[in-house]
């Protein structure tokens, strides 16, 4: 087989290889509507509402941030006292601003539902609110998340090697023919 035939054969193989490479698409790539993805892991939270008050709590490890508003207009409750029970245990609450409180739990809660009871006293009004804080363990990451698609990379590398070999053969033919 002469060099010209070899170059044509190699070129044909390169062309064939380029056209039969498998398309690589990750999970969920069906060209349909893409589902919304969360921006990150949301902190566990709860909300408890009565005719007078709404209490929202957000847990970050052991720290519980609490927001107390009037149900009617969503304005912060001024000069309120808040008593809190988490899982049946009293937890000290600090007022850090109008309608904003902070509490630190003794230990980080385990996954599951944790009952919350809040007693609110503001002026002559008082209320008892109850809710459950639903704590989920973080979902396991997909084992293939972040993995490189090795098959297309390997195919591309093989094509580049074949192209390099074809160019080397062509260059040798030109150099050899000129000499």
C-alpha atoms as a PDB file:
ATOM      1  CA  UNK A   1       0.000   0.000   0.000  1.00  0.00           C
ATOM      2  CA  UNK A   2       1.500   3.347  -1.004  1.00  0.00           C
ATOM      3  CA  UNK A   3       1.540   6.480   1.125  1.00  0.00           C
ATOM      4  CA  UNK A   4      -1.219   8.170  -0.888  1.00  0.00           C
ATOM      5  CA  UNK A   5      -3.589   5.238  -0.342  1.00  0.00           C
ATOM      6  CA  UNK A   6      -2.608   5.120   3.332  1.00  0.00           C
ATOM      7  CA  UNK A   7      -3.381   8.860   3.724  1.00  0.00           C
ATOM      8  CA  UNK A   8      -6.755   8.460   2.016  1.00  0.00           C
ATOM      9  CA  UNK A   9      -7.597   5.447   4.188  1.00  0.00           C
ATOM     10  CA  UNK A  10      -6.597   7.279   7.339  1.00  0.00           C
ATOM     11  CA  UNK A  11      -8.559  10.359   6.277  1.00  0.00           C
ATOM     12  CA  UNK A  12     -11.615   8.212   5.581  1.00  0.00           C
ATOM     13  CA  UNK A  13     -11.301   6.564   8.993  1.00  0.00           C
ATOM     14  CA  UNK A  14     -11.052   9.972  10.637  1.00  0.00           C
ATOM     15  CA  UNK A  15     -14.139  11.166   8.815  1.00  0.00           C
ATOM     16  CA  UNK A  16     -16.015   7.994   9.698  1.00  0.00           C
ATOM     17  CA  UNK A  17     -14.916   8.239  13.334  1.00  0.00           C
ATOM     18  CA  UNK A  18     -16.064  11.843  13.546  1.00  0.00           C
ATOM     19  CA  UNK A  19     -19.519  10.990  12.229  1.00  0.00           C
ATOM     20  CA  UNK A  20     -20.172   7.960  14.450  1.00  0.00           C
ATOM     21  CA  UNK A  21     -19.064   9.411  17.782  1.00  0.00           C
ATOM     22  CA  UNK A  22     -21.843   8.898  20.279  1.00  0.00           C
ATOM     23  CA  UNK A  23     -23.569  12.040  21.446  1.00  0.00           C
ATOM     24  CA  UNK A  24     -23.176  12.515  25.165  1.00  0.00           C
ATOM     25  CA  UNK A  25     -25.958  14.147  27.118  1.00  0.00           C
ATOM     26  CA  UNK A  26     -26.392  14.053  30.853  1.00  0.00           C
ATOM     27  CA  UNK A  27     -29.480  12.911  32.693  1.00  0.00           C
ATOM     28  CA  UNK A  28     -32.623  14.856  31.863  1.00  0.00           C
ATOM     29  CA  UNK A  29     -31.470  16.077  28.449  1.00  0.00           C
ATOM     30  CA  UNK A  30     -34.465  15.058  26.382  1.00  0.00           C
ATOM     31  CA  UNK A  31     -34.903  18.445  24.697  1.00  0.00           C
ATOM     32  CA  UNK A  32     -38.092  18.914  26.673  1.00  0.00           C
ATOM     33  CA  UNK A  33     -38.731  21.649  29.197  1.00  0.00           C
ATOM     34  CA  UNK A  34     -35.909  21.715  31.730  1.00  0.00           C
ATOM     35  CA  UNK A  35     -37.004  21.317  35.342  1.00  0.00           C
ATOM     36  CA  UNK A  36     -36.196  24.112  37.752  1.00  0.00           C
ATOM     37  CA  UNK A  37     -33.197  23.390  39.923  1.00  0.00           C
ATOM     38  CA  UNK A  38     -32.753  24.759  43.411  1.00  0.00           C
ATOM     39  CA  UNK A  39     -29.946  27.217  43.916  1.00  0.00           C
ATOM     40  CA  UNK A  40     -28.743  25.391  46.989  1.00  0.00           C
ATOM     41  CA  UNK A  41     -29.725  23.394  49.983  1.00  0.00           C
ATOM     42  CA  UNK A  42     -32.452  25.214  51.904  1.00  0.00           C
ATOM     43  CA  UNK A  43     -32.171  25.436  55.666  1.00  0.00           C
ATOM     44  CA  UNK A  44     -34.901  23.647  57.630  1.00  0.00           C
ATOM     45  CA  UNK A  45     -37.694  26.029  58.587  1.00  0.00           C
ATOM     46  CA  UNK A  46     -41.127  26.187  60.130  1.00  0.00           C
ATOM     47  CA  UNK A  47     -43.994  28.629  60.255  1.00  0.00           C
ATOM     48  CA  UNK A  48     -46.858  28.913  62.708  1.00  0.00           C
ATOM     49  CA  UNK A  49     -49.810  31.233  62.157  1.00  0.00           C
ATOM     50  CA  UNK A  50     -52.777  32.422  64.203  1.00  0.00           C
ATOM     51  CA  UNK A  51     -55.308  35.180  63.584  1.00  0.00           C
ATOM     52  CA  UNK A  52     -52.930  37.612  65.282  1.00  0.00           C
ATOM     53  CA  UNK A  53     -49.351  36.460  64.722  1.00  0.00           C
ATOM     54  CA  UNK A  54     -47.120  34.609  62.312  1.00  0.00           C
ATOM     55  CA  UNK A  55     -43.847  33.096  63.506  1.00  0.00           C
ATOM     56  CA  UNK A  56     -41.194  31.826  61.086  1.00  0.00           C
ATOM     57  CA  UNK A  57     -38.117  29.957  62.266  1.00  0.00           C
ATOM     58  CA  UNK A  58     -35.013  29.051  60.251  1.00  0.00           C
ATOM     59  CA  UNK A  59     -32.523  26.529  61.586  1.00  0.00           C
ATOM     60  CA  UNK A  60     -28.812  26.782  60.787  1.00  0.00           C
ATOM     61  CA  UNK A  61     -26.983  23.980  62.626  1.00  0.00           C
ATOM     62  CA  UNK A  62     -27.848  24.866  66.266  1.00  0.00           C
ATOM     63  CA  UNK A  63     -28.886  28.482  65.684  1.00  0.00           C
ATOM     64  CA  UNK A  64     -32.593  29.209  65.262  1.00  0.00           C
ATOM     65  CA  UNK A  65     -33.487  32.593  63.725  1.00  0.00           C
ATOM     66  CA  UNK A  66     -37.077  33.634  64.502  1.00  0.00           C
ATOM     67  CA  UNK A  67     -39.246  36.271  62.830  1.00  0.00           C
ATOM     68  CA  UNK A  68     -42.520  37.378  64.442  1.00  0.00           C
ATOM     69  CA  UNK A  69     -45.005  39.419  62.389  1.00  0.00           C
ATOM     70  CA  UNK A  70     -48.620  40.555  62.606  1.00  0.00           C
ATOM     71  CA  UNK A  71     -50.727  38.250  60.422  1.00  0.00           C
ATOM     72  CA  UNK A  72     -52.928  41.077  59.120  1.00  0.00           C
ATOM     73  CA  UNK A  73     -50.226  43.291  57.598  1.00  0.00           C
ATOM     74  CA  UNK A  74     -46.959  41.306  57.940  1.00  0.00           C
ATOM     75  CA  UNK A  75     -45.400  44.093  60.045  1.00  0.00           C
ATOM     76  CA  UNK A  76     -42.919  43.103  62.777  1.00  0.00           C
ATOM     77  CA  UNK A  77     -44.339  42.738  66.281  1.00  0.00           C
ATOM     78  CA  UNK A  78     -42.783  45.420  68.499  1.00  0.00           C
ATOM     79  CA  UNK A  79     -41.946  44.861  72.164  1.00  0.00           C
ATOM     80  CA  UNK A  80     -42.922  41.197  72.115  1.00  0.00           C
ATOM     81  CA  UNK A  81     -41.770  38.532  74.520  1.00  0.00           C
ATOM     82  CA  UNK A  82     -41.272  35.094  73.047  1.00  0.00           C
ATOM     83  CA  UNK A  83     -40.983  31.844  74.973  1.00  0.00           C
ATOM     84  CA  UNK A  84     -40.013  28.769  73.007  1.00  0.00           C
ATOM     85  CA  UNK A  85     -40.124  25.019  73.483  1.00  0.00           C
ATOM     86  CA  UNK A  86     -38.273  22.837  70.992  1.00  0.00           C
ATOM     87  CA  UNK A  87     -38.895  19.123  71.268  1.00  0.00           C
ATOM     88  CA  UNK A  88     -40.569  19.666  74.659  1.00  0.00           C
ATOM     89  CA  UNK A  89     -37.551  21.511  76.106  1.00  0.00           C
ATOM     90  CA  UNK A  90     -37.510  25.221  76.957  1.00  0.00           C
ATOM     91  CA  UNK A  91     -34.998  27.193  74.922  1.00  0.00           C
ATOM     92  CA  UNK A  92     -33.736  30.675  75.833  1.00  0.00           C
ATOM     93  CA  UNK A  93     -34.709  33.314  73.271  1.00  0.00           C
ATOM     94  CA  UNK A  94     -32.946  36.643  72.716  1.00  0.00           C
ATOM     95  CA  UNK A  95     -34.697  39.637  71.169  1.00  0.00           C
ATOM     96  CA  UNK A  96     -32.331  41.097  68.573  1.00  0.00           C
ATOM     97  CA  UNK A  97     -34.661  43.614  66.903  1.00  0.00           C
ATOM     98  CA  UNK A  98     -38.279  44.449  66.126  1.00  0.00           C
ATOM     99  CA  UNK A  99     -39.910  41.087  65.541  1.00  0.00           C
ATOM    100  CA  UNK A 100     -36.522  39.321  65.326  1.00  0.00           C
ATOM    101  CA  UNK A 101     -35.294  36.749  67.801  1.00  0.00           C
ATOM    102  CA  UNK A 102     -32.488  34.247  68.102  1.00  0.00           C
ATOM    103  CA  UNK A 103     -32.178  30.988  70.007  1.00  0.00           C
ATOM    104  CA  UNK A 104     -29.357  28.490  70.287  1.00  0.00           C
ATOM    105  CA  UNK A 105     -30.235  24.833  70.747  1.00  0.00           C
ATOM    106  CA  UNK A 106     -28.161  22.695  73.137  1.00  0.00           C
ATOM    107  CA  UNK A 107     -27.391  20.174  70.376  1.00  0.00           C
ATOM    108  CA  UNK A 108     -27.869  20.018  66.637  1.00  0.00           C
ATOM    109  CA  UNK A 109     -31.226  18.299  65.999  1.00  0.00           C
ATOM    110  CA  UNK A 110     -31.329  14.893  64.331  1.00  0.00           C
ATOM    111  CA  UNK A 111     -33.309  14.334  61.100  1.00  0.00           C
ATOM    112  CA  UNK A 112     -37.055  14.011  61.625  1.00  0.00           C
ATOM    113  CA  UNK A 113     -39.894  16.211  62.859  1.00  0.00           C
ATOM    114  CA  UNK A 114     -39.298  18.378  65.883  1.00  0.00           C
ATOM    115  CA  UNK A 115     -42.337  19.929  67.630  1.00  0.00           C
ATOM    116  CA  UNK A 116     -42.125  23.683  68.251  1.00  0.00           C
ATOM    117  CA  UNK A 117     -44.336  25.588  70.705  1.00  0.00           C
ATOM    118  CA  UNK A 118     -44.122  29.364  71.035  1.00  0.00           C
ATOM    119  CA  UNK A 119     -45.832  31.577  73.594  1.00  0.00           C
ATOM    120  CA  UNK A 120     -46.113  35.203  72.507  1.00  0.00           C
ATOM    121  CA  UNK A 121     -46.916  38.133  74.774  1.00  0.00           C
ATOM    122  CA  UNK A 122     -47.132  41.602  73.215  1.00  0.00           C
ATOM    123  CA  UNK A 123     -48.818  44.311  75.279  1.00  0.00           C
ATOM    124  CA  UNK A 124     -52.235  42.961  76.333  1.00  0.00           C
ATOM    125  CA  UNK A 125     -52.247  40.277  73.608  1.00  0.00           C
ATOM    126  CA  UNK A 126     -50.952  36.758  74.036  1.00  0.00           C
ATOM    127  CA  UNK A 127     -51.028  33.715  71.803  1.00  0.00           C
ATOM    128  CA  UNK A 128     -49.808  30.147  71.652  1.00  0.00           C
ATOM    129  CA  UNK A 129     -48.438  28.898  68.320  1.00  0.00           C
ATOM    130  CA  UNK A 130     -47.419  25.362  67.403  1.00  0.00           C
ATOM    131  CA  UNK A 131     -45.562  23.910  64.427  1.00  0.00           C
ATOM    132  CA  UNK A 132     -43.231  21.113  63.415  1.00  0.00           C
ATOM    133  CA  UNK A 133     -39.693  21.696  62.242  1.00  0.00           C
ATOM    134  CA  UNK A 134     -39.091  19.090  59.531  1.00  0.00           C
ATOM    135  CA  UNK A 135     -35.382  18.297  59.360  1.00  0.00           C
ATOM    136  CA  UNK A 136     -34.150  16.171  56.473  1.00  0.00           C
ATOM    137  CA  UNK A 137     -30.642  14.807  56.102  1.00  0.00           C
ATOM    138  CA  UNK A 138     -28.944  16.121  53.000  1.00  0.00           C
ATOM    139  CA  UNK A 139     -29.603  14.022  49.928  1.00  0.00           C
ATOM    140  CA  UNK A 140     -26.701  11.891  48.788  1.00  0.00           C
ATOM    141  CA  UNK A 141     -24.906  13.369  45.848  1.00  0.00           C
ATOM    142  CA  UNK A 142     -25.146  11.510  42.586  1.00  0.00           C
ATOM    143  CA  UNK A 143     -22.067   9.311  42.275  1.00  0.00           C
ATOM    144  CA  UNK A 144     -21.554  10.515  38.704  1.00  0.00           C
ATOM    145  CA  UNK A 145     -21.976  14.204  39.480  1.00  0.00           C
ATOM    146  CA  UNK A 146     -18.970  16.085  38.226  1.00  0.00           C
ATOM    147  CA  UNK A 147     -17.527  13.011  36.486  1.00  0.00           C
ATOM    148  CA  UNK A 148     -15.958  13.540  33.109  1.00  0.00           C
ATOM    149  CA  UNK A 149     -17.645  11.892  30.136  1.00  0.00           C
ATOM    150  CA  UNK A 150     -14.671   9.622  29.476  1.00  0.00           C
ATOM    151  CA  UNK A 151     -15.975   7.899  26.326  1.00  0.00           C
ATOM    152  CA  UNK A 152     -16.263  11.065  24.210  1.00  0.00           C
ATOM    153  CA  UNK A 153     -12.950  12.308  25.604  1.00  0.00           C
ATOM    154  CA  UNK A 154     -11.245   9.032  24.680  1.00  0.00           C
ATOM    155  CA  UNK A 155     -12.804   9.081  21.207  1.00  0.00           C
ATOM    156  CA  UNK A 156     -11.699  12.682  20.694  1.00  0.00           C
ATOM    157  CA  UNK A 157      -8.165  11.843  21.836  1.00  0.00           C
ATOM    158  CA  UNK A 158      -8.047   8.869  19.427  1.00  0.00           C
ATOM    159  CA  UNK A 159      -9.168  11.128  16.579  1.00  0.00           C
ATOM    160  CA  UNK A 160      -6.515  13.692  17.426  1.00  0.00           C
ATOM    161  CA  UNK A 161      -3.846  10.989  17.490  1.00  0.00           C
ATOM    162  CA  UNK A 162      -5.039   9.661  14.123  1.00  0.00           C
ATOM    163  CA  UNK A 163      -5.086  13.168  12.675  1.00  0.00           C
ATOM    164  CA  UNK A 164      -1.558  13.764  13.966  1.00  0.00           C
ATOM    165  CA  UNK A 165      -0.411  10.484  12.383  1.00  0.00           C
ATOM    166  CA  UNK A 166      -2.042  11.432   9.070  1.00  0.00           C
ATOM    167  CA  UNK A 167      -0.349  14.844   9.096  1.00  0.00           C
ATOM    168  CA  UNK A 168       2.992  13.242   9.929  1.00  0.00           C
ATOM    169  CA  UNK A 169       2.603  10.793   7.013  1.00  0.00           C
ATOM    170  CA  UNK A 170       1.678  13.647   4.694  1.00  0.00           C
ATOM    171  CA  UNK A 171       4.603  15.763   5.878  1.00  0.00           C
ATOM    172  CA  UNK A 172       7.012  12.862   5.441  1.00  0.00           C
ATOM    173  CA  UNK A 173       5.660  12.293   1.933  1.00  0.00           C
ATOM    174  CA  UNK A 174       6.131  15.984   1.033  1.00  0.00           C
ATOM    175  CA  UNK A 175       9.570  16.145   2.640  1.00  0.00           C
ATOM    176  CA  UNK A 176      10.556  12.753   1.181  1.00  0.00           C
ATOM    177  CA  UNK A 177       9.249  13.690  -2.288  1.00  0.00           C
ATOM    178  CA  UNK A 178      11.126  17.021  -2.255  1.00  0.00           C
ATOM    179  CA  UNK A 179      14.412  15.456  -1.245  1.00  0.00           C
END
